[in-house]
Amino acid sequence: MTNRWVGVGRLTRDVDLKFTAQGLAVASFSVAINRSYKNQQTGEYDTDWIPLTAFSKTAETLMQYTGKGSKILVVGKLQTNNFTDKQGNKRTSYDVIVDRFEFLDSKGDNQQK
């Protein structure tokens, strides 16, 4: 069995690109993905906000060719992070590590839609 996550969504903000002390590019961003069914109380589609991380050339390419509102398809793996918060509570966070992605619109089309 393999850990694979696939999603199509729009970037919720511009990609945040940083470099490690060793020069490795690391991009942090998130995508908004509408659920396929409507909320019974509101009649609207709920949205999930998925945090993603990309490395190396993938990170640099995302920074260069996408922006807030860009629509992309992402293939990656779900990563679980366990930590203790400042109050001493055990917490879990989730992040998708990007293996590959595809542009579904051009940088000029990245307005909120």
Foldseek 3Di string as FASTA:
>chain_A
DDFKDKDKFFWQFQWDWDADPVGKIKTKTWGKDWDPDADPVPRHTDIDIAIEMEIHPQSVVSNVKAGGQWIKMFMFGKDKDWDADPVRDIDIDIYTYTPDMDGPDTRVPRDHD
